[in-house]
N, C-alpha and C. Protein backbone atom coordinates (compact mmCIF):
# COMPACT_ATOMS: atom_id res chain seq x y z
N UNK A 1 0.84 -1.17 0.00
CA UNK A 1 0.00 0.00 0.00
C UNK A 1 0.88 1.23 0.00
N UNK A 2 0.54 2.18 -0.84
CA UNK A 2 1.29 3.42 -0.89
C UNK A 2 0.94 4.30 0.29
N UNK A 3 1.90 5.03 0.79
CA UNK A 3 1.68 5.90 1.93
C UNK A 3 0.57 6.91 1.65
N UNK A 4 -0.37 7.05 2.61
CA UNK A 4 -1.43 8.03 2.50
C UNK A 4 -2.62 7.60 1.66
N UNK A 5 -2.58 6.41 1.07
CA UNK A 5 -3.70 5.95 0.26
C UNK A 5 -4.42 4.82 0.95
N UNK A 6 -5.73 4.79 0.81
CA UNK A 6 -6.55 3.76 1.41
C UNK A 6 -7.25 2.99 0.29
N UNK A 7 -6.82 1.77 0.06
CA UNK A 7 -7.42 0.97 -1.00
C UNK A 7 -8.56 0.14 -0.43
N UNK A 8 -9.64 0.08 -1.17
CA UNK A 8 -10.80 -0.71 -0.79
C UNK A 8 -10.75 -2.04 -1.51
N UNK A 9 -11.05 -3.09 -0.79
CA UNK A 9 -11.15 -4.41 -1.39
C UNK A 9 -12.60 -4.60 -1.85
N UNK A 10 -12.78 -5.43 -2.85
CA UNK A 10 -14.10 -5.68 -3.40
C UNK A 10 -14.32 -7.18 -3.47
N UNK A 11 -15.52 -7.59 -3.12
CA UNK A 11 -15.93 -8.98 -3.29
C UNK A 11 -17.20 -8.99 -4.12
N UNK A 12 -17.24 -9.83 -5.13
CA UNK A 12 -18.45 -10.01 -5.91
C UNK A 12 -19.01 -11.38 -5.55
N UNK A 13 -20.19 -11.35 -4.95
CA UNK A 13 -20.82 -12.55 -4.43
C UNK A 13 -21.90 -13.03 -5.40
N UNK A 14 -21.68 -14.21 -5.97
CA UNK A 14 -22.70 -14.86 -6.79
C UNK A 14 -23.42 -15.86 -5.89
N UNK A 15 -24.73 -15.78 -5.82
CA UNK A 15 -25.42 -16.71 -4.94
C UNK A 15 -26.83 -17.01 -5.40
N UNK A 16 -27.25 -18.23 -5.11
CA UNK A 16 -28.65 -18.59 -5.31
C UNK A 16 -29.41 -18.45 -4.00
N UNK A 17 -28.71 -18.00 -2.97
CA UNK A 17 -29.34 -17.77 -1.67
C UNK A 17 -29.26 -18.94 -0.73
N UNK A 18 -28.80 -20.07 -1.20
CA UNK A 18 -28.70 -21.24 -0.35
C UNK A 18 -27.33 -21.25 0.34
N UNK A 19 -27.34 -21.31 1.65
CA UNK A 19 -26.10 -21.32 2.42
C UNK A 19 -25.75 -22.75 2.74
N UNK A 20 -24.76 -23.29 2.02
CA UNK A 20 -24.39 -24.68 2.25
C UNK A 20 -22.93 -24.87 2.62
N UNK A 21 -22.19 -23.78 2.80
CA UNK A 21 -20.77 -23.94 3.14
C UNK A 21 -20.21 -22.71 3.88
N UNK A 22 -21.06 -21.98 4.56
CA UNK A 22 -20.63 -20.73 5.19
C UNK A 22 -19.75 -20.97 6.41
N UNK A 23 -18.75 -20.12 6.55
CA UNK A 23 -17.91 -20.15 7.74
C UNK A 23 -18.43 -19.18 8.80
N UNK A 24 -19.28 -18.25 8.39
CA UNK A 24 -19.88 -17.29 9.31
C UNK A 24 -21.32 -17.70 9.59
N UNK A 25 -21.83 -17.28 10.75
CA UNK A 25 -23.15 -17.76 11.17
C UNK A 25 -24.33 -17.09 10.50
N UNK A 26 -24.22 -15.77 10.21
CA UNK A 26 -25.37 -15.08 9.64
C UNK A 26 -24.92 -13.85 8.86
N UNK A 27 -25.89 -13.17 8.27
CA UNK A 27 -25.57 -12.02 7.44
C UNK A 27 -24.93 -10.89 8.24
N UNK A 28 -25.30 -10.74 9.50
CA UNK A 28 -24.68 -9.70 10.32
C UNK A 28 -23.18 -9.95 10.50
N UNK A 29 -22.80 -11.21 10.60
CA UNK A 29 -21.37 -11.55 10.69
C UNK A 29 -20.64 -11.20 9.40
N UNK A 30 -21.31 -11.43 8.27
CA UNK A 30 -20.72 -11.10 6.96
C UNK A 30 -20.50 -9.59 6.88
N UNK A 31 -21.51 -8.83 7.29
CA UNK A 31 -21.43 -7.37 7.26
C UNK A 31 -20.31 -6.89 8.18
N UNK A 32 -20.27 -7.40 9.40
CA UNK A 32 -19.24 -6.98 10.36
C UNK A 32 -17.83 -7.29 9.86
N UNK A 33 -17.63 -8.49 9.35
CA UNK A 33 -16.31 -8.89 8.85
C UNK A 33 -15.92 -8.05 7.64
N UNK A 34 -16.87 -7.80 6.76
CA UNK A 34 -16.59 -7.00 5.56
C UNK A 34 -16.21 -5.57 5.93
N UNK A 35 -16.93 -5.00 6.87
CA UNK A 35 -16.60 -3.65 7.32
C UNK A 35 -15.24 -3.60 8.00
N UNK A 36 -14.97 -4.58 8.83
CA UNK A 36 -13.69 -4.63 9.54
C UNK A 36 -12.53 -4.72 8.56
N UNK A 37 -12.69 -5.48 7.50
CA UNK A 37 -11.64 -5.68 6.51
C UNK A 37 -11.71 -4.69 5.35
N UNK A 38 -12.64 -3.73 5.43
CA UNK A 38 -12.80 -2.70 4.40
C UNK A 38 -13.08 -3.31 3.03
N UNK A 39 -14.07 -4.21 3.00
CA UNK A 39 -14.46 -4.90 1.76
C UNK A 39 -15.85 -4.45 1.34
N UNK A 40 -15.97 -3.96 0.12
CA UNK A 40 -17.27 -3.66 -0.46
C UNK A 40 -17.79 -4.93 -1.09
N UNK A 41 -19.02 -5.28 -0.76
CA UNK A 41 -19.61 -6.50 -1.30
C UNK A 41 -20.66 -6.14 -2.35
N UNK A 42 -20.44 -6.64 -3.55
CA UNK A 42 -21.41 -6.52 -4.64
C UNK A 42 -22.05 -7.89 -4.79
N UNK A 43 -23.36 -7.93 -4.73
CA UNK A 43 -24.09 -9.20 -4.74
C UNK A 43 -24.79 -9.37 -6.08
N UNK A 44 -24.63 -10.55 -6.65
CA UNK A 44 -25.41 -10.93 -7.83
C UNK A 44 -26.19 -12.18 -7.41
N UNK A 45 -27.47 -11.96 -7.14
CA UNK A 45 -28.34 -13.03 -6.67
C UNK A 45 -29.22 -13.56 -7.78
N UNK A 46 -29.39 -14.85 -7.82
CA UNK A 46 -30.24 -15.46 -8.85
C UNK A 46 -31.09 -16.55 -8.22
N UNK A 47 -32.01 -17.06 -8.96
CA UNK A 47 -32.92 -18.11 -8.53
C UNK A 47 -33.75 -17.62 -7.34
N UNK A 48 -33.73 -18.32 -6.24
CA UNK A 48 -34.57 -18.00 -5.09
C UNK A 48 -33.82 -17.18 -4.03
N UNK A 49 -32.84 -16.42 -4.42
CA UNK A 49 -32.03 -15.63 -3.49
C UNK A 49 -32.91 -14.68 -2.68
N UNK A 50 -32.57 -14.54 -1.40
CA UNK A 50 -33.29 -13.65 -0.50
C UNK A 50 -32.87 -12.21 -0.77
N UNK A 51 -33.68 -11.49 -1.48
CA UNK A 51 -33.33 -10.13 -1.90
C UNK A 51 -33.10 -9.21 -0.71
N UNK A 52 -33.92 -9.32 0.31
CA UNK A 52 -33.81 -8.43 1.46
C UNK A 52 -32.46 -8.57 2.17
N UNK A 53 -32.07 -9.79 2.47
CA UNK A 53 -30.81 -10.03 3.17
C UNK A 53 -29.62 -9.65 2.29
N UNK A 54 -29.65 -10.05 1.03
CA UNK A 54 -28.52 -9.77 0.14
C UNK A 54 -28.38 -8.27 -0.14
N UNK A 55 -29.49 -7.58 -0.28
CA UNK A 55 -29.45 -6.13 -0.48
C UNK A 55 -28.88 -5.46 0.76
N UNK A 56 -29.25 -5.93 1.94
CA UNK A 56 -28.74 -5.39 3.19
C UNK A 56 -27.22 -5.56 3.28
N UNK A 57 -26.72 -6.73 2.93
CA UNK A 57 -25.27 -6.97 2.95
C UNK A 57 -24.57 -5.99 2.01
N UNK A 58 -25.08 -5.86 0.80
CA UNK A 58 -24.45 -4.98 -0.18
C UNK A 58 -24.46 -3.53 0.29
N UNK A 59 -25.61 -3.03 0.69
CA UNK A 59 -25.72 -1.62 1.07
C UNK A 59 -24.89 -1.28 2.31
N UNK A 60 -24.87 -2.18 3.28
CA UNK A 60 -24.15 -1.90 4.52
C UNK A 60 -22.65 -2.03 4.38
N UNK A 61 -22.18 -2.55 3.26
CA UNK A 61 -20.74 -2.64 3.03
C UNK A 61 -20.28 -1.69 1.93
N UNK A 62 -21.18 -0.87 1.44
CA UNK A 62 -20.82 0.09 0.40
C UNK A 62 -20.90 -0.44 -1.01
N UNK A 63 -21.50 -1.60 -1.17
CA UNK A 63 -21.66 -2.18 -2.50
C UNK A 63 -23.07 -2.02 -3.02
N UNK A 64 -23.44 -2.86 -3.93
CA UNK A 64 -24.79 -2.86 -4.52
C UNK A 64 -25.23 -4.28 -4.75
N UNK A 65 -26.54 -4.45 -4.85
CA UNK A 65 -27.10 -5.78 -5.11
C UNK A 65 -27.81 -5.79 -6.46
N UNK A 66 -27.65 -6.88 -7.16
CA UNK A 66 -28.27 -7.07 -8.48
C UNK A 66 -28.96 -8.42 -8.50
N UNK A 67 -30.10 -8.46 -9.19
CA UNK A 67 -30.85 -9.69 -9.30
C UNK A 67 -31.25 -9.87 -10.77
N UNK A 68 -30.31 -10.38 -11.57
CA UNK A 68 -30.56 -10.50 -13.02
C UNK A 68 -31.64 -11.52 -13.33
N UNK A 69 -32.33 -11.25 -14.44
CA UNK A 69 -33.34 -12.19 -14.91
C UNK A 69 -32.72 -13.32 -15.73
N UNK A 70 -31.56 -13.03 -16.34
CA UNK A 70 -30.88 -14.06 -17.13
C UNK A 70 -29.40 -13.71 -17.24
N UNK A 71 -28.64 -14.63 -17.77
CA UNK A 71 -27.19 -14.42 -17.93
C UNK A 71 -26.89 -13.27 -18.88
N UNK A 72 -27.83 -12.94 -19.75
CA UNK A 72 -27.60 -11.83 -20.68
C UNK A 72 -27.54 -10.48 -19.97
N UNK A 73 -28.01 -10.42 -18.72
CA UNK A 73 -27.95 -9.19 -17.92
C UNK A 73 -26.57 -8.97 -17.30
N UNK A 74 -25.74 -10.00 -17.24
CA UNK A 74 -24.46 -9.91 -16.53
C UNK A 74 -23.48 -8.88 -17.10
N UNK A 75 -23.31 -8.77 -18.43
CA UNK A 75 -22.36 -7.75 -18.93
C UNK A 75 -22.70 -6.33 -18.46
N UNK A 76 -23.98 -5.99 -18.45
CA UNK A 76 -24.39 -4.66 -17.99
C UNK A 76 -24.13 -4.49 -16.50
N UNK A 77 -24.34 -5.54 -15.73
CA UNK A 77 -24.08 -5.49 -14.29
C UNK A 77 -22.59 -5.28 -14.04
N UNK A 78 -21.74 -6.04 -14.73
CA UNK A 78 -20.30 -5.88 -14.55
C UNK A 78 -19.83 -4.49 -14.98
N UNK A 79 -20.42 -3.97 -16.04
CA UNK A 79 -20.06 -2.61 -16.50
C UNK A 79 -20.45 -1.59 -15.43
N UNK A 80 -21.60 -1.76 -14.80
CA UNK A 80 -22.02 -0.83 -13.76
C UNK A 80 -21.12 -0.91 -12.53
N UNK A 81 -20.73 -2.12 -12.15
CA UNK A 81 -19.82 -2.28 -11.01
C UNK A 81 -18.48 -1.62 -11.33
N UNK A 82 -17.97 -1.84 -12.52
CA UNK A 82 -16.72 -1.23 -12.94
C UNK A 82 -16.81 0.29 -12.87
N UNK A 83 -17.90 0.83 -13.40
CA UNK A 83 -18.07 2.28 -13.38
C UNK A 83 -18.19 2.79 -11.94
N UNK A 84 -18.92 2.10 -11.11
CA UNK A 84 -19.08 2.49 -9.71
C UNK A 84 -17.74 2.55 -8.99
N UNK A 85 -16.89 1.59 -9.26
CA UNK A 85 -15.59 1.53 -8.58
C UNK A 85 -14.59 2.55 -9.11
N UNK A 86 -14.76 2.97 -10.35
CA UNK A 86 -13.81 3.90 -10.94
C UNK A 86 -14.24 5.36 -10.93
N UNK A 87 -15.48 5.61 -10.64
CA UNK A 87 -15.95 6.99 -10.61
C UNK A 87 -16.72 7.20 -9.30
N UNK A 88 -16.01 7.68 -8.32
CA UNK A 88 -16.69 8.04 -7.08
C UNK A 88 -15.94 9.19 -6.42
N UNK A 89 -16.63 9.84 -5.54
CA UNK A 89 -16.08 11.01 -4.89
C UNK A 89 -16.05 10.78 -3.39
N UNK A 90 -15.04 11.33 -2.75
CA UNK A 90 -14.96 11.31 -1.30
C UNK A 90 -15.05 12.75 -0.84
N UNK A 91 -16.09 13.05 -0.07
CA UNK A 91 -16.27 14.40 0.44
C UNK A 91 -16.05 14.35 1.94
N UNK A 92 -15.14 15.19 2.42
CA UNK A 92 -14.89 15.25 3.86
C UNK A 92 -15.20 16.65 4.36
N UNK A 93 -15.66 16.72 5.57
CA UNK A 93 -16.00 17.99 6.18
C UNK A 93 -15.33 18.06 7.54
N UNK A 94 -14.66 19.13 7.81
CA UNK A 94 -14.07 19.35 9.13
C UNK A 94 -14.46 20.74 9.61
N UNK A 95 -14.65 20.86 10.90
CA UNK A 95 -15.01 22.14 11.48
C UNK A 95 -13.90 22.56 12.43
N UNK A 96 -13.54 23.84 12.35
CA UNK A 96 -12.52 24.34 13.27
C UNK A 96 -13.16 25.09 14.44
N UNK A 97 -14.49 24.99 14.56
CA UNK A 97 -15.20 25.64 15.65
C UNK A 97 -15.78 26.99 15.27
N UNK A 98 -15.33 27.58 14.18
CA UNK A 98 -15.84 28.87 13.71
C UNK A 98 -17.06 28.60 12.85
N UNK A 99 -18.25 29.04 13.31
CA UNK A 99 -19.50 28.76 12.60
C UNK A 99 -19.56 29.44 11.24
N UNK A 100 -18.76 30.47 11.01
CA UNK A 100 -18.78 31.19 9.75
C UNK A 100 -17.81 30.63 8.72
N UNK A 101 -16.95 29.74 9.14
CA UNK A 101 -15.93 29.20 8.24
C UNK A 101 -16.07 27.69 8.17
N UNK A 102 -16.11 27.17 6.98
CA UNK A 102 -16.23 25.73 6.77
C UNK A 102 -15.06 25.24 5.93
N UNK A 103 -14.49 24.15 6.30
CA UNK A 103 -13.42 23.53 5.53
C UNK A 103 -13.98 22.28 4.86
N UNK A 104 -14.12 22.33 3.55
CA UNK A 104 -14.64 21.21 2.80
C UNK A 104 -13.59 20.79 1.79
N UNK A 105 -13.36 19.48 1.70
CA UNK A 105 -12.37 18.97 0.75
C UNK A 105 -13.05 17.93 -0.11
N UNK A 106 -12.90 18.06 -1.41
CA UNK A 106 -13.44 17.09 -2.35
C UNK A 106 -12.28 16.36 -3.01
N UNK A 107 -12.27 15.06 -2.89
CA UNK A 107 -11.23 14.25 -3.50
C UNK A 107 -11.88 13.40 -4.58
N UNK A 108 -11.36 13.47 -5.78
CA UNK A 108 -11.88 12.67 -6.87
C UNK A 108 -10.97 11.47 -7.03
N UNK A 109 -11.57 10.29 -6.93
CA UNK A 109 -10.78 9.07 -7.10
C UNK A 109 -10.87 8.62 -8.53
N UNK A 110 -9.74 8.30 -9.15
CA UNK A 110 -9.76 7.87 -10.56
C UNK A 110 -10.42 6.52 -10.73
């Protein structure tokens, strides 16, 4: 890692919603571990996937959830994920205690 830079890890989760090999007990554990490790989870759910739980995992980790109707939807989903990861802004606000003066910094990530 380069000094002063914070890289985000990304996980793309393909699932039919059936949990048959999980090392974690529930979705809250997945969210906690992902946040701790600074991992954005993008979910691609198909078949009988639980949309509510999978959407919650994605949103709470800074990712997004997708539920394609067919495999032909996948290229557009991957393009959107790529665009999301390459075009985002980080806005930070700090206050020095002076109500009339605001310090705002906008960082554009490539």
